[in-house]
Amino acid sequence: MLRHLTRLFSRPQATPTAARPRVAVDMAWFADTRLPIVDWERLDAQAGDLAGEAAHAFWDSAAQAWLEALRDALGTHYGIAASQDFLLLSTLEARPAQVFLATCQRMRARIVRNLGSLADQGGWGRHVVMVFDDPDDYYDYVGHYYPDGGEYAMSSGMFIQAGYGHFVMPLEQIDAMEPVIAHELTHCLLTHLPIPAWLNEGLAVNTEHTMFPQLAAPQAQLYFPYEVAAQHAAYWNADSIQAFWSGRSFLATDEGNRLSYDLAKKITALAARDEPAFRAFVAAAHLQDGGLAAEHHLGFPIAHLVEAVLGEGPWQPQPERWRDGIERGQFRSG
């Protein structure tokens, strides 16, 4: 793990936007990429032991240089806007961009209150948000972070936890931006915790639905509850549940993607009923075993959470069966 990068998405507390210093950064880029992609490991080595305001200035300057390079590559219709805690790359005009940033600021404050001590507010550099005008640009960009080959689910937004964590969304989602921002900001404020995908997504979806309860209303759902229950019963088995625990099912292109989010939402809500135990579990859970080693904080096996939704079955996480690869990925699809 890199020394600084797990905390890069958090804001500097001390320097207001107007006075934020800009320092020279020798940017490092990966070769042979379609769009400029920063080699954050090389930048981390360059930063050395910087701390405090010097670290804030270095990483914030790097983020600005990164967005400037992307802006130049994408075209002059893209621009960069900033607020106290955010840097935004988009094609939005000045006023809509400021409304977007104000929404981000408001969402962040609410989510920090909801997450409490679980939210990371420590590191360096402002939150980076990219809103792509063309869906092709969006998928071209996020494609840099997927393993070569294969098909992956469409998304309305994504938190990319690779080096300098940032979240991206297509402009076509702008009318529904608040729930997307709430979802992706939840991910970014949890980026310091190596939690499993199911827990990360469960927290993000439940935060989103807490802030926008109309999204969870029965009339907003595609299926009746009994239909969803039947879909779960047909889909999950001894093999597919391991894809859920490992995180692979959240990237599926079939109905497993939707059912994974639904199952994660439900079992996370069940686990959260005992708030102190749940917070201890979240703080200790690790993606390498799906949270298995931390289940003692809950006071019962995590397989019981799935049993409460699906009934009895072979639901125990078996991390020894997981192969290295995409389930260890550095992105969260939302």
C-alpha atoms as a PDB file:
ATOM      1  CA  MET A   1       0.000   0.000   0.000  1.00  0.00           C
ATOM      2  CA  LEU A   2       1.236   3.441  -0.792  1.00  0.00           C
ATOM      3  CA  ARG A   3       2.051   5.641   2.150  1.00  0.00           C
ATOM      4  CA  HIS A   4      -0.224   8.543   1.308  1.00  0.00           C
ATOM      5  CA  LEU A   5      -2.630   7.484  -1.385  1.00  0.00           C
ATOM      6  CA  THR A   6      -5.282   5.788   0.722  1.00  0.00           C
ATOM      7  CA  ARG A   7      -6.125   9.204   2.157  1.00  0.00           C
ATOM      8  CA  LEU A   8      -5.806  11.366  -0.926  1.00  0.00           C
ATOM      9  CA  PHE A   9      -9.512  11.894  -1.492  1.00  0.00           C
ATOM     10  CA  SER A  10      -9.996  13.802   1.748  1.00  0.00           C
ATOM     11  CA  ARG A  11      -9.842  17.528   1.976  1.00  0.00           C
ATOM     12  CA  PRO A  12      -7.216  19.738   3.588  1.00  0.00           C
ATOM     13  CA  GLN A  13      -8.800  21.475   6.556  1.00  0.00           C
ATOM     14  CA  ALA A  14      -6.594  24.519   6.942  1.00  0.00           C
ATOM     15  CA  THR A  15      -6.333  26.392   3.641  1.00  0.00           C
ATOM     16  CA  PRO A  16      -9.345  28.203   2.130  1.00  0.00           C
ATOM     17  CA  THR A  17      -9.875  27.905  -1.619  1.00  0.00           C
ATOM     18  CA  ALA A  18      -8.856  31.467  -2.460  1.00  0.00           C
ATOM     19  CA  ALA A  19      -5.512  31.085  -0.686  1.00  0.00           C
ATOM     20  CA  ARG A  20      -4.735  27.505  -1.767  1.00  0.00           C
ATOM     21  CA  PRO A  21      -1.076  27.515  -2.863  1.00  0.00           C
ATOM     22  CA  ARG A  22      -0.030  25.977  -6.187  1.00  0.00           C
ATOM     23  CA  VAL A  23       3.380  24.356  -6.321  1.00  0.00           C
ATOM     24  CA  ALA A  24       5.403  22.818  -9.127  1.00  0.00           C
ATOM     25  CA  VAL A  25       4.831  19.081  -9.542  1.00  0.00           C
ATOM     26  CA  ASP A  26       6.778  16.896 -11.962  1.00  0.00           C
ATOM     27  CA  MET A  27       3.780  14.935 -13.229  1.00  0.00           C
ATOM     28  CA  ALA A  28       4.258  11.248 -14.094  1.00  0.00           C
ATOM     29  CA  TRP A  29       2.031   9.604 -16.676  1.00  0.00           C
ATOM     30  CA  PHE A  30       1.414   6.053 -17.772  1.00  0.00           C
ATOM     31  CA  ALA A  31       2.432   5.414 -21.369  1.00  0.00           C
ATOM     32  CA  ASP A  32       0.103   4.203 -24.131  1.00  0.00           C
ATOM     33  CA  THR A  33      -3.178   5.301 -22.547  1.00  0.00           C
ATOM     34  CA  ARG A  34      -6.041   6.822 -24.511  1.00  0.00           C
ATOM     35  CA  LEU A  35      -6.408   9.675 -22.000  1.00  0.00           C
ATOM     36  CA  PRO A  36      -3.840  11.054 -19.521  1.00  0.00           C
ATOM     37  CA  ILE A  37      -3.624   8.654 -16.565  1.00  0.00           C
ATOM     38  CA  VAL A  38      -1.314   9.587 -13.707  1.00  0.00           C
ATOM     39  CA  ASP A  39       1.250   7.172 -12.288  1.00  0.00           C
ATOM     40  CA  TRP A  40       0.463   7.951  -8.661  1.00  0.00           C
ATOM     41  CA  GLU A  41       3.152   5.635  -7.295  1.00  0.00           C
ATOM     42  CA  ARG A  42       5.845   7.751  -8.956  1.00  0.00           C
ATOM     43  CA  LEU A  43       4.222  10.916  -7.624  1.00  0.00           C
ATOM     44  CA  ASP A  44       4.075   9.385  -4.157  1.00  0.00           C
ATOM     45  CA  ALA A  45       7.831   8.790  -4.318  1.00  0.00           C
ATOM     46  CA  GLN A  46       8.301  12.407  -5.408  1.00  0.00           C
ATOM     47  CA  ALA A  47       6.231  13.659  -2.468  1.00  0.00           C
ATOM     48  CA  GLY A  48       8.504  11.823  -0.061  1.00  0.00           C
ATOM     49  CA  ASP A  49       7.800  12.742   3.540  1.00  0.00           C
ATOM     50  CA  LEU A  50       5.797  15.906   2.899  1.00  0.00           C
ATOM     51  CA  ALA A  51       3.261  16.605   5.610  1.00  0.00           C
ATOM     52  CA  GLY A  52       0.833  19.290   6.690  1.00  0.00           C
ATOM     53  CA  GLU A  53       0.349  22.277   4.395  1.00  0.00           C
ATOM     54  CA  ALA A  54       3.230  21.172   2.150  1.00  0.00           C
ATOM     55  CA  ALA A  55       1.455  17.875   1.480  1.00  0.00           C
ATOM     56  CA  HIS A  56      -1.853  19.671   0.911  1.00  0.00           C
ATOM     57  CA  ALA A  57      -0.216  21.974  -1.625  1.00  0.00           C
ATOM     58  CA  PHE A  58       1.603  19.158  -3.444  1.00  0.00           C
ATOM     59  CA  TRP A  59      -1.371  16.857  -3.894  1.00  0.00           C
ATOM     60  CA  ASP A  60      -3.851  19.605  -4.654  1.00  0.00           C
ATOM     61  CA  SER A  61      -1.454  20.984  -7.280  1.00  0.00           C
ATOM     62  CA  ALA A  62      -1.049  17.490  -8.733  1.00  0.00           C
ATOM     63  CA  ALA A  63      -4.828  17.127  -8.931  1.00  0.00           C
ATOM     64  CA  GLN A  64      -5.143  20.439 -10.755  1.00  0.00           C
ATOM     65  CA  ALA A  65      -2.386  19.514 -13.230  1.00  0.00           C
ATOM     66  CA  TRP A  66      -4.083  16.150 -13.798  1.00  0.00           C
ATOM     67  CA  LEU A  67      -7.433  17.774 -14.596  1.00  0.00           C
ATOM     68  CA  GLU A  68      -5.768  20.321 -16.849  1.00  0.00           C
ATOM     69  CA  ALA A  69      -4.178  17.510 -18.869  1.00  0.00           C
ATOM     70  CA  LEU A  70      -7.528  15.714 -19.153  1.00  0.00           C
ATOM     71  CA  ARG A  71      -9.255  18.953 -20.150  1.00  0.00           C
ATOM     72  CA  ASP A  72      -6.720  19.503 -22.923  1.00  0.00           C
ATOM     73  CA  ALA A  73      -7.124  15.923 -24.140  1.00  0.00           C
ATOM     74  CA  LEU A  74     -10.930  15.984 -24.098  1.00  0.00           C
ATOM     75  CA  GLY A  75     -11.333  19.367 -25.807  1.00  0.00           C
ATOM     76  CA  THR A  76     -11.722  23.038 -25.069  1.00  0.00           C
ATOM     77  CA  HIS A  77     -15.425  22.625 -24.238  1.00  0.00           C
ATOM     78  CA  TYR A  78     -14.271  21.115 -20.939  1.00  0.00           C
ATOM     79  CA  GLY A  79     -13.375  23.374 -18.016  1.00  0.00           C
ATOM     80  CA  ILE A  80     -12.319  23.173 -14.376  1.00  0.00           C
ATOM     81  CA  ALA A  81     -14.261  24.682 -11.479  1.00  0.00           C
ATOM     82  CA  ALA A  82     -13.402  24.591  -7.778  1.00  0.00           C
ATOM     83  CA  SER A  83     -14.905  24.973  -4.326  1.00  0.00           C
ATOM     84  CA  GLN A  84     -13.495  24.554  -0.836  1.00  0.00           C
ATOM     85  CA  ASP A  85     -13.485  20.769  -0.977  1.00  0.00           C
ATOM     86  CA  PHE A  86     -13.907  19.888  -4.657  1.00  0.00           C
ATOM     87  CA  LEU A  87     -12.305  20.163  -8.083  1.00  0.00           C
ATOM     88  CA  LEU A  88     -14.717  19.610 -10.982  1.00  0.00           C
ATOM     89  CA  LEU A  89     -13.887  18.745 -14.592  1.00  0.00           C
ATOM     90  CA  SER A  90     -16.936  19.142 -16.836  1.00  0.00           C
ATOM     91  CA  THR A  91     -18.534  20.944 -19.763  1.00  0.00           C
ATOM     92  CA  LEU A  92     -20.918  22.816 -17.465  1.00  0.00           C
ATOM     93  CA  GLU A  93     -21.166  26.585 -17.764  1.00  0.00           C
ATOM     94  CA  ALA A  94     -19.981  28.651 -14.798  1.00  0.00           C
ATOM     95  CA  ARG A  95     -23.328  28.924 -12.990  1.00  0.00           C
ATOM     96  CA  PRO A  96     -24.396  25.254 -13.336  1.00  0.00           C
ATOM     97  CA  ALA A  97     -20.877  24.211 -12.303  1.00  0.00           C
ATOM     98  CA  GLN A  98     -21.139  26.249  -9.111  1.00  0.00           C
ATOM     99  CA  VAL A  99     -24.587  24.778  -8.391  1.00  0.00           C
ATOM    100  CA  PHE A 100     -23.107  21.308  -8.870  1.00  0.00           C
ATOM    101  CA  LEU A 101     -20.226  22.102  -6.502  1.00  0.00           C
ATOM    102  CA  ALA A 102     -22.593  23.572  -3.911  1.00  0.00           C
ATOM    103  CA  THR A 103     -24.600  20.352  -4.084  1.00  0.00           C
ATOM    104  CA  CYS A 104     -21.413  18.353  -3.554  1.00  0.00           C
ATOM    105  CA  GLN A 105     -20.522  20.461  -0.524  1.00  0.00           C
ATOM    106  CA  ARG A 106     -23.992  20.034   0.975  1.00  0.00           C
ATOM    107  CA  MET A 107     -24.037  16.276   0.340  1.00  0.00           C
ATOM    108  CA  ARG A 108     -20.596  15.889   1.869  1.00  0.00           C
ATOM    109  CA  ALA A 109     -21.600  17.642   5.085  1.00  0.00           C
ATOM    110  CA  ARG A 110     -24.666  15.425   5.484  1.00  0.00           C
ATOM    111  CA  ILE A 111     -22.794  12.195   4.765  1.00  0.00           C
ATOM    112  CA  VAL A 112     -20.024  13.068   7.203  1.00  0.00           C
ATOM    113  CA  ARG A 113     -22.679  13.558   9.877  1.00  0.00           C
ATOM    114  CA  ASN A 114     -24.278  10.211   8.971  1.00  0.00           C
ATOM    115  CA  LEU A 115     -21.024   8.234   8.935  1.00  0.00           C
ATOM    116  CA  GLY A 116     -19.546   9.897  11.996  1.00  0.00           C
ATOM    117  CA  SER A 117     -16.173   8.499  12.955  1.00  0.00           C
ATOM    118  CA  LEU A 118     -16.208   6.086   9.998  1.00  0.00           C
ATOM    119  CA  ALA A 119     -15.762   8.986   7.560  1.00  0.00           C
ATOM    120  CA  ASP A 120     -12.205   9.856   6.587  1.00  0.00           C
ATOM    121  CA  GLN A 121     -11.570  13.592   6.765  1.00  0.00           C
ATOM    122  CA  GLY A 122      -7.805  13.397   7.124  1.00  0.00           C
ATOM    123  CA  GLY A 123      -5.687  13.374   3.945  1.00  0.00           C
ATOM    124  CA  TRP A 124      -4.567  15.793   1.271  1.00  0.00           C
ATOM    125  CA  GLY A 125      -6.017  17.336  -1.846  1.00  0.00           C
ATOM    126  CA  ARG A 126      -9.560  18.236  -2.763  1.00  0.00           C
ATOM    127  CA  HIS A 127     -12.167  15.741  -3.915  1.00  0.00           C
ATOM    128  CA  VAL A 128     -11.954  15.300  -7.683  1.00  0.00           C
ATOM    129  CA  VAL A 129     -15.166  14.921  -9.695  1.00  0.00           C
ATOM    130  CA  MET A 130     -15.348  14.342 -13.449  1.00  0.00           C
ATOM    131  CA  VAL A 131     -18.582  14.784 -15.408  1.00  0.00           C
ATOM    132  CA  PHE A 132     -18.201  13.549 -18.981  1.00  0.00           C
ATOM    133  CA  ASP A 133     -20.216  15.213 -21.728  1.00  0.00           C
ATOM    134  CA  ASP A 134     -20.136  12.189 -24.045  1.00  0.00           C
ATOM    135  CA  PRO A 135     -20.984   8.698 -22.713  1.00  0.00           C
ATOM    136  CA  ASP A 136     -18.242   7.358 -24.969  1.00  0.00           C
ATOM    137  CA  ASP A 137     -15.728   9.620 -23.184  1.00  0.00           C
ATOM    138  CA  TYR A 138     -17.032   8.367 -19.849  1.00  0.00           C
ATOM    139  CA  TYR A 139     -16.627   4.693 -20.732  1.00  0.00           C
ATOM    140  CA  ASP A 140     -13.346   5.368 -22.510  1.00  0.00           C
ATOM    141  CA  TYR A 141     -11.995   6.923 -19.340  1.00  0.00           C
ATOM    142  CA  VAL A 142     -13.244   4.317 -16.852  1.00  0.00           C
ATOM    143  CA  GLY A 143     -12.053   1.571 -19.199  1.00  0.00           C
ATOM    144  CA  HIS A 144      -8.502   2.402 -18.146  1.00  0.00           C
ATOM    145  CA  TYR A 145      -9.307   0.985 -14.717  1.00  0.00           C
ATOM    146  CA  TYR A 146     -10.883  -2.298 -15.788  1.00  0.00           C
ATOM    147  CA  PRO A 147      -8.839  -5.386 -16.608  1.00  0.00           C
ATOM    148  CA  ASP A 148      -8.478  -5.988 -20.326  1.00  0.00           C
ATOM    149  CA  GLY A 149     -11.166  -8.129 -21.894  1.00  0.00           C
ATOM    150  CA  GLY A 150     -14.616  -9.052 -20.668  1.00  0.00           C
ATOM    151  CA  GLU A 151     -17.864  -7.143 -20.390  1.00  0.00           C
ATOM    152  CA  TYR A 152     -18.925  -4.998 -17.453  1.00  0.00           C
ATOM    153  CA  ALA A 153     -22.138  -3.426 -16.272  1.00  0.00           C
ATOM    154  CA  MET A 154     -23.289   0.015 -17.369  1.00  0.00           C
ATOM    155  CA  SER A 155     -23.239   2.598 -14.600  1.00  0.00           C
ATOM    156  CA  SER A 156     -24.621   6.009 -13.669  1.00  0.00           C
ATOM    157  CA  GLY A 157     -21.480   6.895 -11.761  1.00  0.00           C
ATOM    158  CA  MET A 158     -18.373   5.316 -10.342  1.00  0.00           C
ATOM    159  CA  PHE A 159     -15.868   5.875  -7.572  1.00  0.00           C
ATOM    160  CA  ILE A 160     -12.390   4.974  -8.801  1.00  0.00           C
ATOM    161  CA  GLN A 161     -10.099   4.062  -5.944  1.00  0.00           C
ATOM    162  CA  ALA A 162      -6.848   4.033  -7.866  1.00  0.00           C
ATOM    163  CA  GLY A 163      -4.140   6.346  -6.594  1.00  0.00           C
ATOM    164  CA  TYR A 164      -5.937   9.652  -6.113  1.00  0.00           C
ATOM    165  CA  GLY A 165      -9.489   8.464  -5.487  1.00  0.00           C
ATOM    166  CA  HIS A 166     -12.096  10.297  -7.564  1.00  0.00           C
ATOM    167  CA  PHE A 167     -15.603   9.840  -8.822  1.00  0.00           C
ATOM    168  CA  VAL A 168     -16.932  10.125 -12.328  1.00  0.00           C
ATOM    169  CA  MET A 169     -20.358  10.339 -13.924  1.00  0.00           C
ATOM    170  CA  PRO A 170     -21.821  10.938 -17.401  1.00  0.00           C
ATOM    171  CA  LEU A 171     -23.506  14.299 -18.034  1.00  0.00           C
ATOM    172  CA  GLU A 172     -26.698  12.482 -18.988  1.00  0.00           C
ATOM    173  CA  GLN A 173     -27.141  11.731 -15.260  1.00  0.00           C
ATOM    174  CA  ILE A 174     -27.013  15.396 -14.241  1.00  0.00           C
ATOM    175  CA  ASP A 175     -30.770  15.668 -13.671  1.00  0.00           C
ATOM    176  CA  ALA A 176     -30.473  12.917 -11.061  1.00  0.00           C
ATOM    177  CA  MET A 177     -27.116  14.071  -9.758  1.00  0.00           C
ATOM    178  CA  GLU A 178     -27.904  14.357  -6.034  1.00  0.00           C
ATOM    179  CA  PRO A 179     -28.443  10.620  -5.371  1.00  0.00           C
ATOM    180  CA  VAL A 180     -25.419   9.773  -7.537  1.00  0.00           C
ATOM    181  CA  ILE A 181     -23.276  12.275  -5.619  1.00  0.00           C
ATOM    182  CA  ALA A 182     -24.537  10.913  -2.289  1.00  0.00           C
ATOM    183  CA  HIS A 183     -23.692   7.360  -3.355  1.00  0.00           C
ATOM    184  CA  GLU A 184     -20.225   8.099  -4.713  1.00  0.00           C
ATOM    185  CA  LEU A 185     -19.251  10.479  -1.912  1.00  0.00           C
ATOM    186  CA  THR A 186     -20.088   7.756   0.583  1.00  0.00           C
ATOM    187  CA  HIS A 187     -17.564   5.558  -1.199  1.00  0.00           C
ATOM    188  CA  CYS A 188     -14.907   8.239  -1.178  1.00  0.00           C
ATOM    189  CA  LEU A 189     -15.344   8.996   2.524  1.00  0.00           C
ATOM    190  CA  LEU A 190     -14.862   5.291   3.248  1.00  0.00           C
ATOM    191  CA  THR A 191     -11.830   4.888   0.994  1.00  0.00           C
ATOM    192  CA  HIS A 192      -9.419   4.607   3.937  1.00  0.00           C
ATOM    193  CA  LEU A 193     -11.192   1.422   5.066  1.00  0.00           C
ATOM    194  CA  PRO A 194     -10.383  -1.793   3.121  1.00  0.00           C
ATOM    195  CA  ILE A 195     -13.961  -2.984   3.446  1.00  0.00           C
ATOM    196  CA  PRO A 196     -15.583  -5.606   1.169  1.00  0.00           C
ATOM    197  CA  ALA A 197     -17.547  -4.480  -1.878  1.00  0.00           C
ATOM    198  CA  TRP A 198     -20.854  -5.710  -0.437  1.00  0.00           C
ATOM    199  CA  LEU A 199     -20.405  -3.591   2.687  1.00  0.00           C
ATOM    200  CA  ASN A 200     -19.161  -0.580   0.730  1.00  0.00           C
ATOM    201  CA  GLU A 201     -22.127  -0.747  -1.638  1.00  0.00           C
ATOM    202  CA  GLY A 202     -24.562  -1.501   1.167  1.00  0.00           C
ATOM    203  CA  LEU A 203     -23.448   1.596   3.046  1.00  0.00           C
ATOM    204  CA  ALA A 204     -23.580   3.715  -0.114  1.00  0.00           C
ATOM    205  CA  VAL A 205     -27.062   2.562  -1.156  1.00  0.00           C
ATOM    206  CA  ASN A 206     -28.489   2.908   2.344  1.00  0.00           C
ATOM    207  CA  THR A 207     -26.974   6.377   2.732  1.00  0.00           C
ATOM    208  CA  GLU A 208     -28.443   7.324  -0.654  1.00  0.00           C
ATOM    209  CA  HIS A 209     -31.883   6.018   0.350  1.00  0.00           C
ATOM    210  CA  THR A 210     -31.729   7.669   3.770  1.00  0.00           C
ATOM    211  CA  MET A 211     -31.098  11.022   2.120  1.00  0.00           C
ATOM    212  CA  PHE A 212     -33.571  10.396  -0.721  1.00  0.00           C
ATOM    213  CA  PRO A 213     -36.239   8.045   0.689  1.00  0.00           C
ATOM    214  CA  GLN A 214     -38.390   8.383  -2.431  1.00  0.00           C
ATOM    215  CA  LEU A 215     -35.871   6.152  -4.213  1.00  0.00           C
ATOM    216  CA  ALA A 216     -36.702   3.290  -1.850  1.00  0.00           C
ATOM    217  CA  ALA A 217     -40.480   3.768  -2.074  1.00  0.00           C
ATOM    218  CA  PRO A 218     -42.401   0.756  -3.468  1.00  0.00           C
ATOM    219  CA  GLN A 219     -43.732   2.744  -6.421  1.00  0.00           C
ATOM    220  CA  ALA A 220     -40.153   3.554  -7.501  1.00  0.00           C
ATOM    221  CA  GLN A 221     -39.144  -0.102  -7.834  1.00  0.00           C
ATOM    222  CA  LEU A 222     -39.038  -2.131 -11.031  1.00  0.00           C
ATOM    223  CA  TYR A 223     -40.467  -5.227  -9.365  1.00  0.00           C
ATOM    224  CA  PHE A 224     -42.857  -6.144  -6.578  1.00  0.00           C
ATOM    225  CA  PRO A 225     -41.192  -7.492  -3.409  1.00  0.00           C
ATOM    226  CA  TYR A 226     -42.378 -11.041  -4.101  1.00  0.00           C
ATOM    227  CA  GLU A 227     -40.822 -10.870  -7.562  1.00  0.00           C
ATOM    228  CA  VAL A 228     -37.496  -9.726  -6.145  1.00  0.00           C
ATOM    229  CA  ALA A 229     -37.598 -12.521  -3.576  1.00  0.00           C
ATOM    230  CA  ALA A 230     -38.167 -15.077  -6.354  1.00  0.00           C
ATOM    231  CA  GLN A 231     -35.295 -13.607  -8.384  1.00  0.00           C
ATOM    232  CA  HIS A 232     -32.973 -13.878  -5.398  1.00  0.00           C
ATOM    233  CA  ALA A 233     -34.022 -17.470  -4.777  1.00  0.00           C
ATOM    234  CA  ALA A 234     -33.334 -18.389  -8.398  1.00  0.00           C
ATOM    235  CA  TYR A 235     -29.990 -16.626  -8.661  1.00  0.00           C
ATOM    236  CA  TRP A 236     -28.047 -17.335  -5.488  1.00  0.00           C
ATOM    237  CA  ASN A 237     -26.372 -20.652  -4.875  1.00  0.00           C
ATOM    238  CA  ALA A 238     -23.116 -22.006  -3.444  1.00  0.00           C
ATOM    239  CA  ASP A 239     -21.084 -20.552  -6.323  1.00  0.00           C
ATOM    240  CA  SER A 240     -22.802 -17.231  -6.992  1.00  0.00           C
ATOM    241  CA  ILE A 241     -22.763 -16.249  -3.307  1.00  0.00           C
ATOM    242  CA  GLN A 242     -18.957 -16.427  -3.366  1.00  0.00           C
ATOM    243  CA  ALA A 243     -18.982 -13.904  -6.224  1.00  0.00           C
ATOM    244  CA  PHE A 244     -21.102 -11.698  -3.957  1.00  0.00           C
ATOM    245  CA  TRP A 245     -18.731 -11.927  -0.991  1.00  0.00           C
ATOM    246  CA  SER A 246     -15.662 -11.369  -3.168  1.00  0.00           C
ATOM    247  CA  GLY A 247     -17.205  -8.418  -5.015  1.00  0.00           C
ATOM    248  CA  ARG A 248     -17.203  -9.894  -8.512  1.00  0.00           C
ATOM    249  CA  SER A 249     -20.997 -10.036  -8.800  1.00  0.00           C
ATOM    250  CA  PHE A 250     -21.250  -6.241  -8.517  1.00  0.00           C
ATOM    251  CA  LEU A 251     -19.562  -6.013 -11.924  1.00  0.00           C
ATOM    252  CA  ALA A 252     -21.767  -8.609 -13.599  1.00  0.00           C
ATOM    253  CA  THR A 253     -23.645  -7.725 -16.780  1.00  0.00           C
ATOM    254  CA  ASP A 254     -26.600  -9.967 -15.954  1.00  0.00           C
ATOM    255  CA  GLU A 255     -29.236  -9.613 -13.241  1.00  0.00           C
ATOM    256  CA  GLY A 256     -26.603 -10.550 -10.674  1.00  0.00           C
ATOM    257  CA  ASN A 257     -25.483  -6.919 -10.680  1.00  0.00           C
ATOM    258  CA  ARG A 258     -28.894  -5.586  -9.614  1.00  0.00           C
ATOM    259  CA  LEU A 259     -29.496  -8.438  -7.169  1.00  0.00           C
ATOM    260  CA  SER A 260     -26.063  -7.895  -5.587  1.00  0.00           C
ATOM    261  CA  TYR A 261     -26.887  -4.290  -4.795  1.00  0.00           C
ATOM    262  CA  ASP A 262     -30.264  -5.266  -3.407  1.00  0.00           C
ATOM    263  CA  LEU A 263     -28.813  -8.026  -1.235  1.00  0.00           C
ATOM    264  CA  ALA A 264     -26.020  -5.739  -0.011  1.00  0.00           C
ATOM    265  CA  LYS A 265     -28.520  -3.032   0.884  1.00  0.00           C
ATOM    266  CA  LYS A 266     -30.685  -5.453   2.848  1.00  0.00           C
ATOM    267  CA  ILE A 267     -27.989  -7.267   4.812  1.00  0.00           C
ATOM    268  CA  THR A 268     -26.159  -4.017   5.612  1.00  0.00           C
ATOM    269  CA  ALA A 269     -29.379  -2.560   6.999  1.00  0.00           C
ATOM    270  CA  LEU A 270     -29.860  -5.694   9.105  1.00  0.00           C
ATOM    271  CA  ALA A 271     -26.310  -5.539  10.456  1.00  0.00           C
ATOM    272  CA  ALA A 272     -26.681  -1.831  11.270  1.00  0.00           C
ATOM    273  CA  ARG A 273     -29.555  -2.409  13.699  1.00  0.00           C
ATOM    274  CA  ASP A 274     -26.976  -2.731  16.477  1.00  0.00           C
ATOM    275  CA  GLU A 275     -25.108   0.467  15.710  1.00  0.00           C
ATOM    276  CA  PRO A 276     -22.104   0.104  18.076  1.00  0.00           C
ATOM    277  CA  ALA A 277     -21.486  -3.492  16.968  1.00  0.00           C
ATOM    278  CA  PHE A 278     -21.920  -2.528  13.326  1.00  0.00           C
ATOM    279  CA  ARG A 279     -19.473   0.369  13.531  1.00  0.00           C
ATOM    280  CA  ALA A 280     -16.883  -1.930  15.096  1.00  0.00           C
ATOM    281  CA  PHE A 281     -17.497  -4.450  12.324  1.00  0.00           C
ATOM    282  CA  VAL A 282     -17.092  -1.844   9.561  1.00  0.00           C
ATOM    283  CA  ALA A 283     -13.862  -0.597  11.110  1.00  0.00           C
ATOM    284  CA  ALA A 284     -12.409  -4.134  11.131  1.00  0.00           C
ATOM    285  CA  ALA A 285     -13.899  -5.755   7.996  1.00  0.00           C
ATOM    286  CA  HIS A 286     -11.559  -6.521   5.095  1.00  0.00           C
ATOM    287  CA  LEU A 287     -12.233  -7.178   1.420  1.00  0.00           C
ATOM    288  CA  GLN A 288      -9.797 -10.116   1.335  1.00  0.00           C
ATOM    289  CA  ASP A 289     -12.230 -12.335   3.225  1.00  0.00           C
ATOM    290  CA  GLY A 290     -15.546 -10.542   2.726  1.00  0.00           C
ATOM    291  CA  GLY A 291     -15.575  -9.460   6.379  1.00  0.00           C
ATOM    292  CA  LEU A 292     -15.380 -13.020   7.705  1.00  0.00           C
ATOM    293  CA  ALA A 293     -12.622 -12.367  10.257  1.00  0.00           C
ATOM    294  CA  ALA A 294     -14.521  -9.380  11.670  1.00  0.00           C
ATOM    295  CA  GLU A 295     -17.862 -11.145  12.181  1.00  0.00           C
ATOM    296  CA  HIS A 296     -17.240 -11.520  15.909  1.00  0.00           C
ATOM    297  CA  HIS A 297     -17.945  -7.794  16.225  1.00  0.00           C
ATOM    298  CA  LEU A 298     -21.495  -8.488  15.083  1.00  0.00           C
ATOM    299  CA  GLY A 299     -21.910 -11.299  17.570  1.00  0.00           C
ATOM    300  CA  PHE A 300     -23.033 -13.808  14.926  1.00  0.00           C
ATOM    301  CA  PRO A 301     -21.769 -15.258  11.601  1.00  0.00           C
ATOM    302  CA  ILE A 302     -22.208 -12.880   8.662  1.00  0.00           C
ATOM    303  CA  ALA A 303     -23.771 -15.772   6.756  1.00  0.00           C
ATOM    304  CA  HIS A 304     -26.766 -15.313   9.068  1.00  0.00           C
ATOM    305  CA  LEU A 305     -27.380 -11.932   7.420  1.00  0.00           C
ATOM    306  CA  VAL A 306     -27.863 -13.589   4.054  1.00  0.00           C
ATOM    307  CA  GLU A 307     -29.930 -16.356   5.648  1.00  0.00           C
ATOM    308  CA  ALA A 308     -32.314 -13.713   7.006  1.00  0.00           C
ATOM    309  CA  VAL A 309     -32.986 -12.579   3.424  1.00  0.00           C
ATOM    310  CA  LEU A 310     -32.668 -15.782   1.399  1.00  0.00           C
ATOM    311  CA  GLY A 311     -33.445 -18.507   3.913  1.00  0.00           C
ATOM    312  CA  GLU A 312     -31.165 -21.399   4.774  1.00  0.00           C
ATOM    313  CA  GLY A 313     -28.390 -22.160   2.339  1.00  0.00           C
ATOM    314  CA  PRO A 314     -24.636 -22.428   1.714  1.00  0.00           C
ATOM    315  CA  TRP A 315     -23.999 -18.758   2.390  1.00  0.00           C
ATOM    316  CA  GLN A 316     -20.722 -18.806   4.321  1.00  0.00           C
ATOM    317  CA  PRO A 317     -17.887 -16.766   2.710  1.00  0.00           C
ATOM    318  CA  GLN A 318     -15.109 -19.048   1.459  1.00  0.00           C
ATOM    319  CA  PRO A 319     -12.259 -16.705   0.488  1.00  0.00           C
ATOM    320  CA  GLU A 320      -9.963 -19.643  -0.238  1.00  0.00           C
ATOM    321  CA  ARG A 321     -12.103 -20.264  -3.333  1.00  0.00           C
ATOM    322  CA  TRP A 322     -11.652 -16.790  -4.754  1.00  0.00           C
ATOM    323  CA  ARG A 323      -9.054 -16.241  -7.391  1.00  0.00           C
ATOM    324  CA  ASP A 324      -7.011 -13.046  -7.475  1.00  0.00           C
ATOM    325  CA  GLY A 325      -8.224 -10.609 -10.057  1.00  0.00           C
ATOM    326  CA  ILE A 326     -11.162  -8.359 -10.583  1.00  0.00           C
ATOM    327  CA  GLU A 327     -12.601  -8.837  -7.105  1.00  0.00           C
ATOM    328  CA  ARG A 328      -9.496  -7.059  -5.822  1.00  0.00           C
ATOM    329  CA  GLY A 329     -10.232  -4.175  -8.197  1.00  0.00           C
ATOM    330  CA  GLN A 330      -9.812  -0.515  -7.373  1.00  0.00           C
ATOM    331  CA  PHE A 331     -13.185   0.787  -8.410  1.00  0.00           C
ATOM    332  CA  ARG A 332     -16.723   0.932  -7.175  1.00  0.00           C
ATOM    333  CA  SER A 333     -19.523   0.950  -9.697  1.00  0.00           C
ATOM    334  CA  GLY A 334     -22.603   2.804  -8.537  1.00  0.00           C
END
